[in-house]
Amino acid sequence: MRHEAVRALRGGALMLGASVLLGGCGLLGGNTDEVCADTGKAFEQYMAQVRGVSAAEPAQWRQPTEQLAARVDGLSRKADDAKLKKTLKTEADGLRAAAAAIGTGDATRLTGVMAGAPKRIGAACS
């Protein structure tokens, strides 16, 4: 297990703010505002949950990551906007793959998903 990678992920996840995710929300019609806000809350709650998880115990990262994937997937099904729906579905798929990898000690996928999420989701919410 590369503890440094998990530590870097934790640092990056904690720096990822809901304001970045929600920066574009409020500009589209339908239920986009609600779905974008709920997505930001899901990521905030995930970050709060993993904040206390030890980098030495990667298996503890798996369940919260799977839960976030399920929540984001549910939000993708709820979204009226096709672009947002597709973006959230893709994020959920990435989180599921990352959850499987993090359970074995590989933080690379999760680091990548979390690093790109604000930009991808922000673009779909704007």
Protein backbone atom coordinates (compact mmCIF):
# COMPACT_ATOMS: atom_id res chain seq x y z
CA MET A 1 0.00 0.00 0.00
CA ARG A 2 1.29 3.37 -0.86
CA HIS A 3 0.41 5.41 2.19
CA GLU A 4 1.63 8.55 0.48
CA ALA A 5 -0.97 8.17 -2.27
CA VAL A 6 -3.78 7.81 0.23
CA ARG A 7 -2.50 10.78 2.22
CA ALA A 8 -2.38 12.83 -0.97
CA LEU A 9 -5.90 11.72 -1.82
CA ARG A 10 -7.15 12.67 1.61
CA GLY A 11 -5.54 16.08 1.30
CA GLY A 12 -7.04 16.58 -2.14
CA ALA A 13 -10.46 15.36 -1.06
CA LEU A 14 -10.51 17.67 1.91
CA MET A 15 -9.55 20.62 -0.27
CA LEU A 16 -12.33 19.83 -2.73
CA GLY A 17 -15.04 22.22 -1.65
CA ALA A 18 -18.71 22.15 -2.44
CA SER A 19 -18.33 25.67 -3.77
CA VAL A 20 -16.21 24.29 -6.61
CA LEU A 21 -18.79 21.63 -7.40
CA LEU A 22 -21.65 24.07 -7.15
CA GLY A 23 -20.02 26.98 -8.91
CA GLY A 24 -22.15 26.64 -12.02
CA CYS A 25 -25.40 25.62 -10.39
CA GLY A 26 -28.35 27.89 -10.67
CA LEU A 27 -27.96 28.52 -14.37
CA LEU A 28 -30.03 25.69 -15.86
CA GLY A 29 -33.72 24.89 -15.65
CA GLY A 30 -35.50 21.70 -14.62
CA ASN A 31 -34.18 20.07 -11.51
CA THR A 32 -30.53 20.79 -12.29
CA ASP A 33 -30.13 23.22 -9.39
CA GLU A 34 -31.41 20.63 -6.94
CA VAL A 35 -29.35 17.77 -8.39
CA CYS A 36 -26.18 19.89 -8.44
CA ALA A 37 -26.74 21.00 -4.85
CA ASP A 38 -27.38 17.41 -3.75
CA THR A 39 -24.23 16.30 -5.56
CA GLY A 40 -22.19 18.91 -3.74
CA LYS A 41 -23.66 17.75 -0.43
CA ALA A 42 -22.84 14.13 -1.27
CA PHE A 43 -19.20 14.99 -1.88
CA GLU A 44 -19.07 17.15 1.28
CA GLN A 45 -20.46 14.29 3.36
CA TYR A 46 -18.01 11.86 1.78
CA MET A 47 -15.10 14.14 2.62
CA ALA A 48 -16.28 14.48 6.20
CA GLN A 49 -16.59 10.70 6.45
CA VAL A 50 -13.13 9.88 5.07
CA ARG A 51 -11.43 12.65 7.00
CA GLY A 52 -11.07 10.31 9.98
CA VAL A 53 -10.07 7.21 8.03
CA SER A 54 -6.49 6.07 8.49
CA ALA A 55 -4.24 5.99 5.45
CA ALA A 56 -2.86 2.74 6.83
CA GLU A 57 -6.27 1.05 6.47
CA PRO A 58 -7.32 1.40 2.83
CA ALA A 59 -10.15 -1.09 3.20
CA GLN A 60 -11.95 1.50 5.32
CA TRP A 61 -12.05 3.82 2.30
CA ARG A 62 -13.93 1.31 0.18
CA GLN A 63 -17.36 1.46 1.82
CA PRO A 64 -17.67 5.26 1.91
CA THR A 65 -16.51 5.41 -1.71
CA GLU A 66 -19.08 2.79 -2.74
CA GLN A 67 -21.77 4.73 -0.88
CA LEU A 68 -20.79 7.94 -2.69
CA ALA A 69 -20.91 6.08 -6.01
CA ALA A 70 -24.41 4.81 -5.24
CA ARG A 71 -25.57 8.27 -4.23
CA VAL A 72 -24.13 9.92 -7.34
CA ASP A 73 -25.66 7.18 -9.49
CA GLY A 74 -29.05 7.86 -7.90
CA LEU A 75 -28.65 11.56 -8.63
CA SER A 76 -27.79 10.76 -12.25
CA ARG A 77 -31.11 8.92 -12.60
CA LYS A 78 -32.91 11.85 -11.01
CA ALA A 79 -31.39 14.52 -13.29
CA ASP A 80 -33.59 15.97 -16.03
CA ASP A 81 -30.67 17.41 -17.99
CA ALA A 82 -29.05 14.83 -20.31
CA LYS A 83 -25.53 16.28 -19.95
CA LEU A 84 -25.74 16.26 -16.15
CA LYS A 85 -27.24 12.77 -16.15
CA LYS A 86 -24.38 11.42 -18.28
CA THR A 87 -21.71 13.22 -16.26
CA LEU A 88 -23.00 11.91 -12.94
CA LYS A 89 -23.33 8.39 -14.32
CA THR A 90 -19.72 8.53 -15.50
CA GLU A 91 -18.60 9.84 -12.09
CA ALA A 92 -20.49 7.04 -10.32
CA ASP A 93 -18.85 4.43 -12.56
CA GLY A 94 -15.43 5.93 -11.84
CA LEU A 95 -16.10 5.92 -8.11
CA ARG A 96 -17.15 2.27 -8.20
CA ALA A 97 -13.94 1.30 -9.98
CA ALA A 98 -11.94 3.42 -7.56
CA ALA A 99 -13.66 1.81 -4.56
CA ALA A 100 -12.62 -1.64 -5.72
CA ALA A 101 -9.03 -0.49 -6.24
CA ILE A 102 -8.74 1.43 -2.97
CA GLY A 103 -9.77 -1.69 -1.07
CA THR A 104 -6.61 -3.37 -2.33
CA GLY A 105 -4.44 -0.38 -1.50
CA ASP A 106 -4.36 1.31 -4.91
CA ALA A 107 -5.38 4.95 -4.49
CA THR A 108 -4.53 5.98 -8.06
CA ARG A 109 -8.08 5.73 -9.45
CA LEU A 110 -9.68 7.45 -6.51
CA THR A 111 -7.13 10.25 -6.65
CA GLY A 112 -7.91 10.75 -10.34
CA VAL A 113 -11.66 10.67 -9.89
CA MET A 114 -11.59 13.13 -7.01
CA ALA A 115 -9.14 15.46 -8.72
CA GLY A 116 -11.28 15.77 -11.85
CA ALA A 117 -14.74 15.72 -10.28
CA PRO A 118 -15.08 19.47 -9.60
CA LYS A 119 -14.28 20.42 -13.18
CA ARG A 120 -16.44 17.73 -14.79
CA ILE A 121 -19.43 18.23 -12.51
CA GLY A 122 -19.05 22.00 -12.54
CA ALA A 123 -19.15 22.00 -16.35
CA ALA A 124 -22.33 19.88 -16.34
CA CYS A 125 -23.93 22.16 -13.78
CA SER A 126 -23.22 25.36 -15.69
